[in-house]
PDB file of N, CA and C in Angstrom:
ATOM      1  N   MET A   1      -3.160 -86.825 137.481  1.00  0.00           N
ATOM      2  CA  MET A   1      -3.282 -87.265 136.115  1.00  0.00           C
ATOM      3  C   MET A   1      -2.242 -88.350 135.871  1.00  0.00           C
ATOM      4  N   ASP A   2      -2.654 -89.370 135.166  1.00  0.00           N
ATOM      5  CA  ASP A   2      -1.803 -90.531 134.885  1.00  0.00           C
ATOM      6  C   ASP A   2      -1.238 -90.416 133.468  1.00  0.00           C
ATOM      7  N   VAL A   3       0.073 -90.308 133.342  1.00  0.00           N
ATOM      8  CA  VAL A   3       0.730 -90.116 132.046  1.00  0.00           C
ATOM      9  C   VAL A   3       0.529 -91.326 131.139  1.00  0.00           C
ATOM     10  N   THR A   4       0.611 -92.515 131.679  1.00  0.00           N
ATOM     11  CA  THR A   4       0.449 -93.726 130.875  1.00  0.00           C
ATOM     12  C   THR A   4      -0.950 -93.800 130.269  1.00  0.00           C
ATOM     13  N   THR A   5      -1.952 -93.500 131.066  1.00  0.00           N
ATOM     14  CA  THR A   5      -3.335 -93.513 130.571  1.00  0.00           C
ATOM     15  C   THR A   5      -3.538 -92.425 129.521  1.00  0.00           C
ATOM     16  N   THR A   6      -2.962 -91.255 129.759  1.00  0.00           N
ATOM     17  CA  THR A   6      -3.071 -90.168 128.787  1.00  0.00           C
ATOM     18  C   THR A   6      -2.468 -90.573 127.449  1.00  0.00           C
ATOM     19  N   LYS A   7      -1.309 -91.203 127.461  1.00  0.00           N
ATOM     20  CA  LYS A   7      -0.669 -91.647 126.217  1.00  0.00           C
ATOM     21  C   LYS A   7      -1.524 -92.680 125.505  1.00  0.00           C
ATOM     22  N   MET A   8      -2.077 -93.607 126.263  1.00  0.00           N
ATOM     23  CA  MET A   8      -2.896 -94.663 125.664  1.00  0.00           C
ATOM     24  C   MET A   8      -4.153 -94.093 125.004  1.00  0.00           C
ATOM     25  N   LEU A   9      -4.783 -93.139 125.662  1.00  0.00           N
ATOM     26  CA  LEU A   9      -5.988 -92.529 125.102  1.00  0.00           C
ATOM     27  C   LEU A   9      -5.648 -91.585 123.952  1.00  0.00           C
ATOM     28  N   SER A  10      -4.513 -90.908 124.033  1.00  0.00           N
ATOM     29  CA  SER A  10      -4.136 -89.910 123.028  1.00  0.00           C
ATOM     30  C   SER A  10      -3.901 -90.504 121.655  1.00  0.00           C
ATOM     31  N   ILE A  11      -3.502 -91.760 121.573  1.00  0.00           N
ATOM     32  CA  ILE A  11      -3.267 -92.355 120.252  1.00  0.00           C
ATOM     33  C   ILE A  11      -4.564 -92.534 119.471  1.00  0.00           C
ATOM     34  N   HIS A  12      -5.702 -92.378 120.133  1.00  0.00           N
ATOM     35  CA  HIS A  12      -6.993 -92.509 119.468  1.00  0.00           C
ATOM     36  C   HIS A  12      -7.595 -91.156 119.092  1.00  0.00           C
ATOM     37  N   ILE A  13      -6.890 -90.069 119.407  1.00  0.00           N
ATOM     38  CA  ILE A  13      -7.392 -88.716 119.130  1.00  0.00           C
ATOM     39  C   ILE A  13      -6.406 -88.032 118.189  1.00  0.00           C
ATOM     40  N   ASP A  14      -6.832 -87.773 116.948  1.00  0.00           N
ATOM     41  CA  ASP A  14      -5.943 -87.208 115.928  1.00  0.00           C
ATOM     42  C   ASP A  14      -5.307 -85.896 116.370  1.00  0.00           C
ATOM     43  N   ALA A  15      -6.047 -85.049 117.047  1.00  0.00           N
ATOM     44  CA  ALA A  15      -5.545 -83.730 117.444  1.00  0.00           C
ATOM     45  C   ALA A  15      -4.412 -83.826 118.465  1.00  0.00           C
ATOM     46  N   LEU A  16      -4.275 -84.944 119.143  1.00  0.00           N
ATOM     47  CA  LEU A  16      -3.218 -85.096 120.144  1.00  0.00           C
ATOM     48  C   LEU A  16      -2.000 -85.838 119.609  1.00  0.00           C
ATOM     49  N   LEU A  17      -2.053 -86.256 118.356  1.00  0.00           N
ATOM     50  CA  LEU A  17      -0.917 -86.946 117.746  1.00  0.00           C
ATOM     51  C   LEU A  17       0.057 -85.935 117.149  1.00  0.00           C
ATOM     52  N   PRO A  18       1.338 -86.276 117.102  1.00  0.00           N
ATOM     53  CA  PRO A  18       2.302 -85.380 116.451  1.00  0.00           C
ATOM     54  C   PRO A  18       1.966 -85.217 114.967  1.00  0.00           C
ATOM     55  N   PRO A  19       2.299 -84.064 114.378  1.00  0.00           N
ATOM     56  CA  PRO A  19       1.957 -83.829 112.969  1.00  0.00           C
ATOM     57  C   PRO A  19       2.583 -84.828 112.000  1.00  0.00           C
ATOM     58  N   THR A  20       3.690 -85.433 112.367  1.00  0.00           N
ATOM     59  CA  THR A  20       4.367 -86.369 111.464  1.00  0.00           C
ATOM     60  C   THR A  20       3.933 -87.819 111.662  1.00  0.00           C
ATOM     61  N   SER A  21       2.977 -88.061 112.532  1.00  0.00           N
ATOM     62  CA  SER A  21       2.565 -89.437 112.807  1.00  0.00           C
ATOM     63  C   SER A  21       1.753 -90.006 111.647  1.00  0.00           C
ATOM     64  N   ALA A  22       1.760 -91.317 111.538  1.00  0.00           N
ATOM     65  CA  ALA A  22       0.984 -91.999 110.497  1.00  0.00           C
ATOM     66  C   ALA A  22      -0.496 -91.887 110.825  1.00  0.00           C
ATOM     67  N   GLU A  23      -1.304 -91.770 109.776  1.00  0.00           N
ATOM     68  CA  GLU A  23      -2.740 -91.664 109.983  1.00  0.00           C
ATOM     69  C   GLU A  23      -3.311 -93.032 110.337  1.00  0.00           C
ATOM     70  N   LEU A  24      -4.007 -93.097 111.455  1.00  0.00           N
ATOM     71  CA  LEU A  24      -4.591 -94.352 111.915  1.00  0.00           C
ATOM     72  C   LEU A  24      -6.071 -94.380 111.576  1.00  0.00           C
ATOM     73  N   ASP A  25      -6.572 -95.560 111.277  1.00  0.00           N
ATOM     74  CA  ASP A  25      -7.998 -95.730 111.006  1.00  0.00           C
ATOM     75  C   ASP A  25      -8.670 -96.165 112.308  1.00  0.00           C
ATOM     76  N   VAL A  26      -8.988 -95.191 113.139  1.00  0.00           N
ATOM     77  CA  VAL A  26      -9.572 -95.450 114.456  1.00  0.00           C
ATOM     78  C   VAL A  26     -11.087 -95.322 114.337  1.00  0.00           C
ATOM     79  N   PRO A  27     -11.841 -96.320 114.770  1.00  0.00           N
ATOM     80  CA  PRO A  27     -13.303 -96.227 114.721  1.00  0.00           C
ATOM     81  C   PRO A  27     -13.809 -95.010 115.501  1.00  0.00           C
ATOM     82  N   HIS A  28     -14.899 -94.449 115.000  1.00  0.00           N
ATOM     83  CA  HIS A  28     -15.468 -93.250 115.630  1.00  0.00           C
ATOM     84  C   HIS A  28     -15.810 -93.496 117.099  1.00  0.00           C
ATOM     85  N   SER A  29     -16.336 -94.658 117.401  1.00  0.00           N
ATOM     86  CA  SER A  29     -16.710 -94.959 118.789  1.00  0.00           C
ATOM     87  C   SER A  29     -15.486 -94.978 119.702  1.00  0.00           C
ATOM     88  N   ALA A  30     -14.344 -95.435 119.191  1.00  0.00           N
ATOM     89  CA  ALA A  30     -13.106 -95.429 119.986  1.00  0.00           C
ATOM     90  C   ALA A  30     -12.610 -94.007 120.201  1.00  0.00           C
ATOM     91  N   GLN A  31     -12.761 -93.147 119.185  1.00  0.00           N
ATOM     92  CA  GLN A  31     -12.373 -91.752 119.334  1.00  0.00           C
ATOM     93  C   GLN A  31     -13.231 -91.057 120.381  1.00  0.00           C
ATOM     94  N   VAL A  32     -14.524 -91.313 120.330  1.00  0.00           N
ATOM     95  CA  VAL A  32     -15.438 -90.710 121.310  1.00  0.00           C
ATOM     96  C   VAL A  32     -15.087 -91.180 122.721  1.00  0.00           C
ATOM     97  N   ALA A  33     -14.842 -92.469 122.866  1.00  0.00           N
ATOM     98  CA  ALA A  33     -14.480 -93.011 124.182  1.00  0.00           C
ATOM     99  C   ALA A  33     -13.162 -92.407 124.681  1.00  0.00           C
ATOM    100  N   ALA A  34     -12.199 -92.219 123.789  1.00  0.00           N
ATOM    101  CA  ALA A  34     -10.916 -91.630 124.177  1.00  0.00           C
ATOM    102  C   ALA A  34     -11.087 -90.177 124.601  1.00  0.00           C
ATOM    103  N   ILE A  35     -11.909 -89.429 123.886  1.00  0.00           N
ATOM    104  CA  ILE A  35     -12.163 -88.033 124.252  1.00  0.00           C
ATOM    105  C   ILE A  35     -12.817 -87.953 125.624  1.00  0.00           C
ATOM    106  N   LEU A  36     -13.795 -88.807 125.860  1.00  0.00           N
ATOM    107  CA  LEU A  36     -14.439 -88.833 127.180  1.00  0.00           C
ATOM    108  C   LEU A  36     -13.457 -89.237 128.270  1.00  0.00           C
ATOM    109  N   GLY A  37     -12.623 -90.231 127.980  1.00  0.00           N
ATOM    110  CA  GLY A  37     -11.638 -90.680 128.956  1.00  0.00           C
ATOM    111  C   GLY A  37     -10.629 -89.605 129.308  1.00  0.00           C
ATOM    112  N   VAL A  38     -10.126 -88.908 128.300  1.00  0.00           N
ATOM    113  CA  VAL A  38      -9.177 -87.822 128.557  1.00  0.00           C
ATOM    114  C   VAL A  38      -9.867 -86.697 129.327  1.00  0.00           C
ATOM    115  N   GLY A  39     -11.106 -86.420 128.966  1.00  0.00           N
ATOM    116  CA  GLY A  39     -11.858 -85.390 129.687  1.00  0.00           C
ATOM    117  C   GLY A  39     -12.016 -85.728 131.157  1.00  0.00           C
ATOM    118  N   LEU A  40     -12.337 -86.977 131.447  1.00  0.00           N
ATOM    119  CA  LEU A  40     -12.462 -87.399 132.845  1.00  0.00           C
ATOM    120  C   LEU A  40     -11.118 -87.389 133.556  1.00  0.00           C
ATOM    121  N   LEU A  41     -10.078 -87.776 132.839  1.00  0.00           N
ATOM    122  CA  LEU A  41      -8.745 -87.814 133.421  1.00  0.00           C
ATOM    123  C   LEU A  41      -8.244 -86.415 133.793  1.00  0.00           C
ATOM    124  N   TYR A  42      -8.557 -85.439 132.945  1.00  0.00           N
ATOM    125  CA  TYR A  42      -8.093 -84.071 133.167  1.00  0.00           C
ATOM    126  C   TYR A  42      -9.117 -83.189 133.890  1.00  0.00           C
ATOM    127  N   GLN A  43     -10.233 -83.760 134.277  1.00  0.00           N
ATOM    128  CA  GLN A  43     -11.269 -83.000 134.961  1.00  0.00           C
ATOM    129  C   GLN A  43     -10.694 -82.325 136.210  1.00  0.00           C
ATOM    130  N   GLY A  44     -10.907 -81.018 136.303  1.00  0.00           N
ATOM    131  CA  GLY A  44     -10.469 -80.277 137.476  1.00  0.00           C
ATOM    132  C   GLY A  44      -8.992 -79.927 137.517  1.00  0.00           C
ATOM    133  N   THR A  45      -8.242 -80.169 136.424  1.00  0.00           N
ATOM    134  CA  THR A  45      -6.804 -79.889 136.441  1.00  0.00           C
ATOM    135  C   THR A  45      -6.451 -78.507 135.912  1.00  0.00           C
ATOM    136  N   ALA A  46      -7.384 -77.811 135.288  1.00  0.00           N
ATOM    137  CA  ALA A  46      -7.161 -76.476 134.714  1.00  0.00           C
ATOM    138  C   ALA A  46      -6.084 -76.489 133.627  1.00  0.00           C
ATOM    139  N   GLN A  47      -5.986 -77.570 132.858  1.00  0.00           N
ATOM    140  CA  GLN A  47      -5.044 -77.665 131.739  1.00  0.00           C
ATOM    141  C   GLN A  47      -5.700 -77.039 130.503  1.00  0.00           C
ATOM    142  N   ARG A  48      -5.336 -75.798 130.209  1.00  0.00           N
ATOM    143  CA  ARG A  48      -5.984 -75.048 129.137  1.00  0.00           C
ATOM    144  C   ARG A  48      -5.830 -75.717 127.770  1.00  0.00           C
ATOM    145  N   ARG A  49      -4.626 -76.166 127.429  1.00  0.00           N
ATOM    146  CA  ARG A  49      -4.407 -76.767 126.113  1.00  0.00           C
ATOM    147  C   ARG A  49      -5.279 -78.004 125.918  1.00  0.00           C
ATOM    148  N   MET A  50      -5.347 -78.841 126.929  1.00  0.00           N
ATOM    149  CA  MET A  50      -6.152 -80.057 126.814  1.00  0.00           C
ATOM    150  C   MET A  50      -7.635 -79.694 126.687  1.00  0.00           C
ATOM    151  N   ALA A  51      -8.075 -78.697 127.422  1.00  0.00           N
ATOM    152  CA  ALA A  51      -9.471 -78.261 127.320  1.00  0.00           C
ATOM    153  C   ALA A  51      -9.769 -77.751 125.915  1.00  0.00           C
ATOM    154  N   GLU A  52      -8.862 -76.969 125.337  1.00  0.00           N
ATOM    155  CA  GLU A  52      -9.069 -76.448 123.994  1.00  0.00           C
ATOM    156  C   GLU A  52      -9.102 -77.562 122.951  1.00  0.00           C
ATOM    157  N   VAL A  53      -8.196 -78.520 123.076  1.00  0.00           N
ATOM    158  CA  VAL A  53      -8.157 -79.640 122.129  1.00  0.00           C
ATOM    159  C   VAL A  53      -9.439 -80.455 122.223  1.00  0.00           C
ATOM    160  N   LEU A  54      -9.864 -80.776 123.424  1.00  0.00           N
ATOM    161  CA  LEU A  54     -11.075 -81.587 123.591  1.00  0.00           C
ATOM    162  C   LEU A  54     -12.312 -80.846 123.099  1.00  0.00           C
ATOM    163  N   LEU A  55     -12.405 -79.564 123.380  1.00  0.00           N
ATOM    164  CA  LEU A  55     -13.551 -78.786 122.892  1.00  0.00           C
ATOM    165  C   LEU A  55     -13.576 -78.713 121.371  1.00  0.00           C
ATOM    166  N   SER A  56     -12.403 -78.584 120.758  1.00  0.00           N
ATOM    167  CA  SER A  56     -12.371 -78.554 119.290  1.00  0.00           C
ATOM    168  C   SER A  56     -12.773 -79.906 118.707  1.00  0.00           C
ATOM    169  N   GLU A  57     -12.385 -80.989 119.371  1.00  0.00           N
ATOM    170  CA  GLU A  57     -12.761 -82.328 118.903  1.00  0.00           C
ATOM    171  C   GLU A  57     -14.260 -82.582 119.093  1.00  0.00           C
ATOM    172  N   ILE A  58     -14.810 -82.110 120.182  1.00  0.00           N
ATOM    173  CA  ILE A  58     -16.238 -82.292 120.436  1.00  0.00           C
ATOM    174  C   ILE A  58     -17.063 -81.534 119.401  1.00  0.00           C
ATOM    175  N   GLY A  59     -16.601 -80.353 119.009  1.00  0.00           N
ATOM    176  CA  GLY A  59     -17.331 -79.529 118.053  1.00  0.00           C
ATOM    177  C   GLY A  59     -17.110 -79.896 116.606  1.00  0.00           C
ATOM    178  N   GLU A  60     -16.250 -80.852 116.333  1.00  0.00           N
ATOM    179  CA  GLU A  60     -15.931 -81.220 114.957  1.00  0.00           C
ATOM    180  C   GLU A  60     -17.067 -82.032 114.338  1.00  0.00           C
ATOM    181  N   ILE A  61     -17.355 -81.735 113.083  1.00  0.00           N
ATOM    182  CA  ILE A  61     -18.410 -82.439 112.345  1.00  0.00           C
ATOM    183  C   ILE A  61     -17.813 -83.697 111.715  1.00  0.00           C
ATOM    184  N   PRO A  62     -18.512 -84.842 111.785  1.00  0.00           N
ATOM    185  CA  PRO A  62     -18.001 -86.053 111.132  1.00  0.00           C
ATOM    186  C   PRO A  62     -17.733 -85.788 109.660  1.00  0.00           C
ATOM    187  N   ALA A  63     -16.600 -86.259 109.172  1.00  0.00           N
ATOM    188  CA  ALA A  63     -16.111 -85.872 107.853  1.00  0.00           C
ATOM    189  C   ALA A  63     -16.681 -86.687 106.702  1.00  0.00           C
ATOM    190  N   THR A  64     -16.961 -87.937 106.894  1.00  0.00           N
ATOM    191  CA  THR A  64     -17.305 -88.767 105.749  1.00  0.00           C
ATOM    192  C   THR A  64     -18.703 -89.365 105.857  1.00  0.00           C
ATOM    193  N   ARG A  65     -19.250 -89.659 104.717  1.00  0.00           N
ATOM    194  CA  ARG A  65     -20.565 -90.301 104.665  1.00  0.00           C
ATOM    195  C   ARG A  65     -20.509 -91.690 105.312  1.00  0.00           C
ATOM    196  N   GLU A  66     -19.390 -92.410 105.102  1.00  0.00           N
ATOM    197  CA  GLU A  66     -19.252 -93.736 105.692  1.00  0.00           C
ATOM    198  C   GLU A  66     -19.352 -93.672 107.212  1.00  0.00           C
ATOM    199  N   LEU A  67     -18.780 -92.626 107.791  1.00  0.00           N
ATOM    200  CA  LEU A  67     -18.850 -92.449 109.234  1.00  0.00           C
ATOM    201  C   LEU A  67     -20.288 -92.214 109.666  1.00  0.00           C
ATOM    202  N   LEU A  68     -20.998 -91.381 108.918  1.00  0.00           N
ATOM    203  CA  LEU A  68     -22.404 -91.116 109.250  1.00  0.00           C
ATOM    204  C   LEU A  68     -23.232 -92.388 109.133  1.00  0.00           C
ATOM    205  N   VAL A  69     -22.958 -93.190 108.120  1.00  0.00           N
ATOM    206  CA  VAL A  69     -23.676 -94.457 107.960  1.00  0.00           C
ATOM    207  C   VAL A  69     -23.353 -95.389 109.122  1.00  0.00           C
ATOM    208  N   SER A  70     -22.086 -95.450 109.525  1.00  0.00           N
ATOM    209  CA  SER A  70     -21.711 -96.328 110.628  1.00  0.00           C
ATOM    210  C   SER A  70     -22.317 -95.879 111.953  1.00  0.00           C
ATOM    211  N   MET A  71     -22.653 -94.597 112.050  1.00  0.00           N
ATOM    212  CA  MET A  71     -23.277 -94.080 113.267  1.00  0.00           C
ATOM    213  C   MET A  71     -24.793 -94.269 113.243  1.00  0.00           C
ATOM    214  N   GLY A  72     -25.335 -94.794 112.130  1.00  0.00           N
ATOM    215  CA  GLY A  72     -26.763 -95.055 112.049  1.00  0.00           C
ATOM    216  C   GLY A  72     -27.538 -94.033 111.241  1.00  0.00           C
ATOM    217  N   HIS A  73     -26.869 -93.032 110.696  1.00  0.00           N
ATOM    218  CA  HIS A  73     -27.533 -92.050 109.846  1.00  0.00           C
ATOM    219  C   HIS A  73     -27.621 -92.613 108.433  1.00  0.00           C
ATOM    220  N   PHE A  74     -28.600 -92.153 107.679  1.00  0.00           N
ATOM    221  CA  PHE A  74     -28.763 -92.534 106.281  1.00  0.00           C
ATOM    222  C   PHE A  74     -29.015 -94.025 106.094  1.00  0.00           C
ATOM    223  N   THR A  75     -29.588 -94.710 107.070  1.00  0.00           N
ATOM    224  CA  THR A  75     -29.799 -96.143 106.927  1.00  0.00           C
ATOM    225  C   THR A  75     -30.894 -96.469 105.904  1.00  0.00           C
ATOM    226  N   ASN A  76     -31.805 -95.546 105.661  1.00  0.00           N
ATOM    227  CA  ASN A  76     -32.895 -95.829 104.725  1.00  0.00           C
ATOM    228  C   ASN A  76     -32.590 -95.357 103.312  1.00  0.00           C
ATOM    229  N   LEU A  77     -31.482 -94.700 103.084  1.00  0.00           N
ATOM    230  CA  LEU A  77     -31.134 -94.234 101.753  1.00  0.00           C
ATOM    231  C   LEU A  77     -30.626 -95.388 100.896  1.00  0.00           C
ATOM    232  N   HIS A  78     -31.002 -95.356  99.665  1.00  0.00           N
ATOM    233  CA  HIS A  78     -30.515 -96.292  98.661  1.00  0.00           C
ATOM    234  C   HIS A  78     -30.817 -97.757  98.982  1.00  0.00           C
ATOM    235  N   GLN A  79     -31.872 -97.994  99.749  1.00  0.00           N
ATOM    236  CA  GLN A  79     -32.278 -99.374  99.976  1.00  0.00           C
ATOM    237  C   GLN A  79     -33.121 -99.811  98.780  1.00  0.00           C
ATOM    238  N   LYS A  80     -32.917-101.004  98.323  1.00  0.00           N
ATOM    239  CA  LYS A  80     -33.661-101.517  97.182  1.00  0.00           C
ATOM    240  C   LYS A  80     -35.085-101.846  97.617  1.00  0.00           C
ATOM    241  N   THR A  81     -36.020-101.525  96.743  1.00  0.00           N
ATOM    242  CA  THR A  81     -37.415-101.847  97.022  1.00  0.00           C
ATOM    243  C   THR A  81     -37.713-103.258  96.579  1.00  0.00           C
ATOM    244  N   GLY A  82     -38.810-103.781  97.033  1.00  0.00           N
ATOM    245  CA  GLY A  82     -39.183-105.152  96.716  1.00  0.00           C
ATOM    246  C   GLY A  82     -39.729-105.332  95.312  1.00  0.00           C
ATOM    247  N   ASN A  83     -39.835-104.256  94.501  1.00  0.00           N
ATOM    248  CA  ASN A  83     -40.388-104.344  93.145  1.00  0.00           C
ATOM    249  C   ASN A  83     -39.435-104.909  92.183  1.00  0.00           C
TER     250      ASN A  83
END
């Protein structure tokens, strides 16, 4: 496991940041990529804490409507009609 890569990916995952850290506005796609990257990095290492954190992040429901819209959900809602 590469510590430098882990640190770089961890700044994009809220659950891996210290509790006193500033809240970052990280795009959802970057968070997903970081979770996948950390998962691949720790694959086969038997690191229980990292497995628990990643599983909790994978199971988390997107929090905001804006996030759902940015992911392509709700694209047909509130569209103006041609009338």
